């Protein structure tokens, strides 16, 4: 028996954080489905994304125009490999969700969007998001120990005619703000006085999920509308509404609106835990960021990352069964 037998699982797909060379390599070395996924990505994009993912350089890998397709291909490679993984062949989620960019991976996994189309879209998305705000003009900061209401009040206080807004609601007291660099710097300087335990400027190249991304949303609207979408095989809980979509048209609309809107991750996980009845969250992609977030949001659920095949093997054998919050 598997440690996952009898559990109700959701797949969650990452879309944030800096990436390290080697992402997805362990899966590609062991599973043909993963290897073919990287090969397909190279063919679609016209350059060796696989080499960039596996060998770096990490500075180039972490340019958003590269990071976005890299996360998509690594997550899809892992997801496609599950059907051939001993003991995981029958693992089926009741719903899927993705953090920011990860929503594209979730839609590919649910059959709502083809992998090739998703690759082309996220490559363009990365380009447009970077072009929306020149490097050095915008920024983001993480506020720890401050709830969403207090973070929104701080953002409004420091704006002073510039843009500063809540961008990611990653936890009950873990909020990310984004906007003009000057406003972000003022927020970080004032945050502790307003109740935050810690405030840190993030090493990102643009103020994602803020009103400053409006040009990127405008640029993505046409390509998204021209791309075929299908009804997903399982509900996809979206970032922008923290609610499930069950049609291709609704999935497309959510992707358009998410670009310059906050990522409502706390509510996404809450919806999956309560109405959907999920008791197991599996992070399908490189890293463990969502595993840590989800454990804190949905206390008592099982949370595990599948970033490495050995981690999945351990989980199936019961060794990770206490990844609970």
Protein backbone atom coordinates (compact mmCIF):
# COMPACT_ATOMS: atom_id res chain seq x y z
CA UNK A 1 0.00 0.00 0.00
CA UNK A 2 1.02 3.58 -0.63
CA UNK A 3 1.03 6.25 2.06
CA UNK A 4 -1.25 8.20 -0.29
CA UNK A 5 -3.96 5.52 -0.47
CA UNK A 6 -7.28 6.88 0.72
CA UNK A 7 -6.12 10.48 0.72
CA UNK A 8 -7.67 13.32 -1.29
CA UNK A 9 -4.91 15.11 -3.15
CA UNK A 10 -4.47 18.38 -4.99
CA UNK A 11 -1.50 19.15 -7.22
CA UNK A 12 -0.03 22.63 -6.76
CA UNK A 13 2.48 24.07 -9.23
CA UNK A 14 5.18 26.61 -8.27
CA UNK A 15 5.69 29.90 -10.04
CA UNK A 16 8.02 31.92 -7.86
CA UNK A 17 11.47 32.07 -6.37
CA UNK A 18 14.96 31.97 -7.81
CA UNK A 19 15.93 28.74 -9.55
CA UNK A 20 19.13 26.71 -9.42
CA UNK A 21 20.81 24.87 -12.26
CA UNK A 22 19.85 21.21 -12.32
CA UNK A 23 16.09 21.74 -12.09
CA UNK A 24 14.25 18.72 -13.44
CA UNK A 25 17.46 16.83 -14.29
CA UNK A 26 16.89 13.94 -11.86
CA UNK A 27 13.48 13.26 -13.39
CA UNK A 28 14.84 13.45 -16.93
CA UNK A 29 17.64 11.03 -16.10
CA UNK A 30 15.14 8.41 -14.87
CA UNK A 31 12.00 8.88 -16.94
CA UNK A 32 11.57 9.04 -20.70
CA UNK A 33 8.44 11.19 -20.33
CA UNK A 34 10.46 13.87 -18.55
CA UNK A 35 13.31 13.69 -21.06
CA UNK A 36 10.90 14.05 -23.97
CA UNK A 37 9.24 17.02 -22.29
CA UNK A 38 12.55 18.90 -22.17
CA UNK A 39 13.27 17.93 -25.78
CA UNK A 40 9.86 19.22 -26.85
CA UNK A 41 10.51 22.50 -25.07
CA UNK A 42 13.83 22.91 -26.90
CA UNK A 43 12.09 22.31 -30.23
CA UNK A 44 9.20 24.69 -29.53
CA UNK A 45 11.37 27.55 -28.27
CA UNK A 46 14.21 27.10 -30.75
CA UNK A 47 17.02 27.04 -28.19
CA UNK A 48 18.31 24.63 -25.55
CA UNK A 49 16.17 25.47 -22.56
CA UNK A 50 17.10 22.05 -21.17
CA UNK A 51 20.78 22.98 -21.06
CA UNK A 52 19.94 26.27 -19.35
CA UNK A 53 17.81 24.45 -16.76
CA UNK A 54 20.45 21.83 -16.04
CA UNK A 55 23.72 23.74 -16.42
CA UNK A 56 22.88 27.42 -16.08
CA UNK A 57 24.35 29.98 -15.84
CA UNK A 58 21.96 30.78 -13.02
CA UNK A 59 22.03 34.50 -13.77
CA UNK A 60 20.57 33.79 -17.19
CA UNK A 61 18.20 31.14 -15.85
CA UNK A 62 16.73 33.65 -13.40
CA UNK A 63 15.87 36.23 -16.02
CA UNK A 64 12.08 36.11 -15.99
CA UNK A 65 11.91 35.52 -19.75
CA UNK A 66 13.77 32.23 -19.08
CA UNK A 67 12.54 31.40 -15.59
CA UNK A 68 8.91 31.26 -16.66
CA UNK A 69 9.30 28.59 -19.38
CA UNK A 70 11.89 26.78 -17.21
CA UNK A 71 9.40 26.37 -14.38
CA UNK A 72 6.71 25.27 -16.79
CA UNK A 73 8.87 22.61 -18.45
CA UNK A 74 10.23 21.24 -15.16
CA UNK A 75 6.77 21.02 -13.61
CA UNK A 76 5.27 19.40 -16.71
CA UNK A 77 8.15 16.92 -16.92
CA UNK A 78 7.50 15.83 -13.35
CA UNK A 79 3.75 15.61 -13.86
CA UNK A 80 4.11 13.52 -17.02
CA UNK A 81 6.49 11.15 -15.25
CA UNK A 82 4.02 10.22 -12.53
CA UNK A 83 2.18 7.78 -14.81
CA UNK A 84 5.37 5.70 -15.07
CA UNK A 85 6.42 5.98 -11.43
CA UNK A 86 5.96 2.66 -9.57
CA UNK A 87 3.22 3.13 -7.00
CA UNK A 88 2.13 6.53 -8.31
CA UNK A 89 0.45 5.41 -11.54
CA UNK A 90 -3.04 5.86 -10.12
CA UNK A 91 -2.35 9.14 -8.35
CA UNK A 92 -5.11 11.50 -9.50
CA UNK A 93 -5.80 14.93 -8.01
CA UNK A 94 -9.34 16.15 -7.37
CA UNK A 95 -8.22 19.67 -8.32
CA UNK A 96 -5.11 21.60 -9.33
CA UNK A 97 -3.79 25.11 -8.77
CA UNK A 98 -0.65 27.07 -9.53
CA UNK A 99 1.01 30.06 -7.90
CA UNK A 100 1.21 32.91 -10.44
CA UNK A 101 2.96 31.43 -13.48
CA UNK A 102 2.26 27.98 -12.03
CA UNK A 103 -1.34 28.33 -13.16
CA UNK A 104 -0.12 27.64 -16.71
CA UNK A 105 1.44 24.38 -15.50
CA UNK A 106 -1.81 23.51 -13.72
CA UNK A 107 -3.80 24.10 -16.90
CA UNK A 108 -1.42 21.91 -18.91
CA UNK A 109 -1.76 19.15 -16.30
CA UNK A 110 -5.56 19.45 -16.48
CA UNK A 111 -5.56 19.25 -20.28
CA UNK A 112 -6.96 22.75 -20.72
CA UNK A 113 -3.90 24.10 -22.54
CA UNK A 114 -1.36 22.32 -24.72
CA UNK A 115 2.22 22.24 -23.49
CA UNK A 116 3.53 23.84 -26.70
CA UNK A 117 1.03 26.70 -26.52
CA UNK A 118 1.78 27.22 -22.83
CA UNK A 119 5.51 27.43 -23.55
CA UNK A 120 5.04 30.09 -26.20
CA UNK A 121 2.67 32.05 -23.96
CA UNK A 122 4.90 32.06 -20.87
CA UNK A 123 7.96 33.01 -22.89
CA UNK A 124 6.00 36.01 -24.19
CA UNK A 125 4.60 36.67 -20.72
CA UNK A 126 8.10 36.90 -19.28
CA UNK A 127 9.19 39.26 -22.03
CA UNK A 128 6.17 41.54 -21.65
CA UNK A 129 6.38 41.62 -17.86
CA UNK A 130 10.03 42.63 -18.03
CA UNK A 131 9.35 45.29 -20.67
CA UNK A 132 6.40 46.74 -18.74
CA UNK A 133 8.71 48.39 -16.21
CA UNK A 134 12.38 49.18 -16.91
CA UNK A 135 14.87 47.42 -14.65
CA UNK A 136 15.49 49.48 -11.52
CA UNK A 137 12.17 51.35 -11.66
CA UNK A 138 10.05 48.78 -9.86
CA UNK A 139 10.48 46.35 -6.99
CA UNK A 140 8.87 43.95 -4.56
CA UNK A 141 9.22 43.32 -0.83
CA UNK A 142 8.13 40.58 1.54
CA UNK A 143 6.43 41.63 4.78
CA UNK A 144 6.58 38.99 7.52
CA UNK A 145 4.34 39.19 10.57
CA UNK A 146 1.90 41.62 8.94
CA UNK A 147 -1.57 40.65 7.79
CA UNK A 148 -3.16 41.63 4.48
CA UNK A 149 -5.14 44.55 5.86
CA UNK A 150 -2.10 46.10 7.56
CA UNK A 151 0.04 45.52 4.46
CA UNK A 152 -2.53 47.24 2.25
CA UNK A 153 -2.66 50.19 4.65
CA UNK A 154 1.15 50.45 4.65
CA UNK A 155 1.23 50.33 0.84
CA UNK A 156 -1.31 53.14 0.62
CA UNK A 157 0.62 55.20 3.17
CA UNK A 158 3.95 55.03 1.35
CA UNK A 159 2.65 55.37 -2.22
CA UNK A 160 2.87 59.17 -2.26
CA UNK A 161 1.71 59.37 -5.86
CA UNK A 162 3.54 56.22 -6.94
CA UNK A 163 2.25 52.65 -7.20
CA UNK A 164 2.52 50.35 -4.19
CA UNK A 165 0.08 47.49 -3.75
CA UNK A 166 -0.35 44.03 -2.29
CA UNK A 167 0.87 41.52 -4.89
CA UNK A 168 0.99 38.10 -3.18
CA UNK A 169 -1.03 36.89 -0.22
CA UNK A 170 1.24 33.93 0.53
CA UNK A 171 0.24 33.39 4.15
CA UNK A 172 -1.82 34.85 6.94
CA UNK A 173 1.15 37.03 7.95
CA UNK A 174 3.33 36.71 4.85
CA UNK A 175 2.47 39.35 2.30
CA UNK A 176 4.39 40.59 -0.74
CA UNK A 177 3.97 44.13 -2.00
CA UNK A 178 5.01 45.49 -5.40
CA UNK A 179 5.29 48.84 -7.11
CA UNK A 180 7.70 51.67 -7.79
CA UNK A 181 11.10 51.18 -6.17
CA UNK A 182 10.90 54.39 -4.15
CA UNK A 183 7.60 53.35 -2.61
CA UNK A 184 8.89 49.86 -1.87
CA UNK A 185 11.95 51.30 -0.14
CA UNK A 186 9.73 53.57 1.95
CA UNK A 187 7.54 50.60 2.90
CA UNK A 188 10.52 48.52 4.03
CA UNK A 189 11.85 51.41 6.11
CA UNK A 190 8.48 51.93 7.82
CA UNK A 191 7.28 48.32 8.07
CA UNK A 192 8.55 47.50 11.56
CA UNK A 193 6.99 50.65 12.97
CA UNK A 194 3.68 49.47 11.49
CA UNK A 195 3.89 46.00 13.05
CA UNK A 196 5.93 43.82 10.69
CA UNK A 197 8.49 41.46 12.19
CA UNK A 198 10.62 41.63 9.08
CA UNK A 199 10.61 43.42 5.73
CA UNK A 200 12.89 42.38 2.90
CA UNK A 201 13.35 43.72 -0.61
CA UNK A 202 13.13 40.79 -3.03
CA UNK A 203 15.68 40.11 -5.77
CA UNK A 204 13.24 40.30 -8.67
CA UNK A 205 13.46 42.04 -12.00
CA UNK A 206 9.98 43.61 -12.08
CA UNK A 207 7.02 44.50 -9.82
CA UNK A 208 4.90 41.45 -10.66
CA UNK A 209 1.15 41.30 -9.95
CA UNK A 210 0.87 45.04 -9.44
CA UNK A 211 -0.96 47.72 -11.46
CA UNK A 212 2.39 48.47 -13.15
CA UNK A 213 1.91 45.20 -15.07
CA UNK A 214 -1.07 46.64 -16.98
CA UNK A 215 0.97 46.90 -20.24
CA UNK A 216 1.86 43.20 -19.95
CA UNK A 217 -1.79 42.31 -19.44
CA UNK A 218 -2.70 44.31 -22.53
CA UNK A 219 0.04 42.61 -24.54
CA UNK A 220 -1.00 39.12 -23.43
CA UNK A 221 -4.71 39.57 -24.04
CA UNK A 222 -4.60 39.06 -27.81
CA UNK A 223 -2.31 36.01 -27.80
CA UNK A 224 -4.34 34.38 -25.02
CA UNK A 225 -7.60 35.01 -26.85
CA UNK A 226 -6.14 33.47 -30.01
CA UNK A 227 -4.92 30.33 -28.20
CA UNK A 228 -7.19 27.27 -28.04
CA UNK A 229 -8.33 26.37 -24.53
CA UNK A 230 -10.27 23.26 -23.54
CA UNK A 231 -12.41 22.45 -20.54
CA UNK A 232 -10.07 21.13 -17.80
CA UNK A 233 -10.34 17.50 -16.70
CA UNK A 234 -10.40 18.61 -13.06
CA UNK A 235 -11.24 22.01 -11.54
CA UNK A 236 -8.45 24.58 -11.62
CA UNK A 237 -8.53 27.01 -8.68
CA UNK A 238 -7.31 30.33 -10.03
CA UNK A 239 -5.02 32.94 -8.48
CA UNK A 240 -7.16 35.91 -9.36
CA UNK A 241 -10.50 34.69 -7.97
CA UNK A 242 -9.43 31.89 -5.58
CA UNK A 243 -12.28 29.93 -7.12
CA UNK A 244 -12.44 26.93 -9.47
CA UNK A 245 -12.88 27.20 -13.22
CA UNK A 246 -14.30 24.30 -15.19
CA UNK A 247 -14.35 25.74 -18.72
CA UNK A 248 -11.58 26.72 -21.08
CA UNK A 249 -13.05 30.17 -21.60
CA UNK A 250 -13.05 30.90 -17.87
CA UNK A 251 -9.47 29.60 -17.55
CA UNK A 252 -8.31 31.93 -20.32
CA UNK A 253 -10.05 34.92 -18.75
CA UNK A 254 -8.42 34.22 -15.39
CA UNK A 255 -4.95 34.13 -16.96
CA UNK A 256 -5.55 37.53 -18.54
CA UNK A 257 -6.70 39.10 -15.28
CA UNK A 258 -4.02 37.55 -13.05
CA UNK A 259 -1.13 39.45 -14.65
CA UNK A 260 -1.74 42.73 -12.81
CA UNK A 261 -3.80 41.33 -9.91
CA UNK A 262 -2.74 39.89 -6.55
CA UNK A 263 -2.05 36.19 -6.11
CA UNK A 264 -4.62 35.09 -3.50
CA UNK A 265 -2.77 31.95 -2.44
CA UNK A 266 -4.15 31.72 1.09
CA UNK A 267 -7.70 31.64 -0.27
CA UNK A 268 -6.71 29.17 -3.01
CA UNK A 269 -5.49 26.67 -0.42
CA UNK A 270 -8.44 27.34 1.86
CA UNK A 271 -10.84 26.59 -0.98
CA UNK A 272 -9.03 23.35 -1.80
CA UNK A 273 -8.99 22.25 1.84
CA UNK A 274 -12.60 23.00 2.76
CA UNK A 275 -15.09 22.92 -0.14
CA UNK A 276 -12.94 20.51 -2.17
CA UNK A 277 -12.03 18.34 0.83
CA UNK A 278 -8.30 18.13 0.04
CA UNK A 279 -6.12 16.67 2.79
CA UNK A 280 -2.91 16.26 0.76
CA UNK A 281 -1.05 18.96 -1.18
CA UNK A 282 1.66 17.78 -3.57
CA UNK A 283 3.99 20.42 -5.03
CA UNK A 284 4.71 19.38 -8.61
CA UNK A 285 7.80 21.30 -9.65
CA UNK A 286 11.27 22.34 -8.53
CA UNK A 287 11.71 23.56 -4.98
CA UNK A 288 9.66 23.47 -1.79
CA UNK A 289 8.29 27.01 -1.52
CA UNK A 290 4.62 26.04 -1.81
CA UNK A 291 5.07 23.06 0.48
CA UNK A 292 6.11 25.40 3.27
CA UNK A 293 3.35 27.91 2.56
CA UNK A 294 0.60 25.32 2.29
CA UNK A 295 1.60 23.58 5.52
CA UNK A 296 1.06 26.82 7.42
CA UNK A 297 -2.20 27.73 5.68
CA UNK A 298 -3.88 24.32 6.00
CA UNK A 299 -2.67 22.96 9.33
CA UNK A 300 -3.10 19.22 9.70
CA UNK A 301 -2.86 18.42 6.00
CA UNK A 302 -0.09 16.38 4.39
CA UNK A 303 2.31 18.52 2.32
CA UNK A 304 5.19 17.28 0.19
CA UNK A 305 7.36 18.37 -2.71
CA UNK A 306 7.93 16.14 -5.74
CA UNK A 307 10.94 18.10 -6.98
CA UNK A 308 13.08 14.94 -6.89
CA UNK A 309 12.03 11.32 -7.64
CA UNK A 310 13.53 10.17 -4.34
CA UNK A 311 11.17 12.49 -2.48
CA UNK A 312 8.16 10.87 -4.14
CA UNK A 313 9.50 7.39 -3.38
CA UNK A 314 9.92 8.33 0.27
CA UNK A 315 6.39 9.72 0.35
CA UNK A 316 4.88 6.58 -1.18
CA UNK A 317 6.69 4.46 1.40
CA UNK A 318 5.34 6.58 4.24
CA UNK A 319 8.61 8.32 5.09
CA UNK A 320 7.17 11.79 4.38
CA UNK A 321 3.74 11.12 5.83
CA UNK A 322 4.40 13.57 8.65
CA UNK A 323 4.97 16.59 6.41
CA UNK A 324 2.01 17.96 8.34
CA UNK A 325 1.53 21.38 9.88
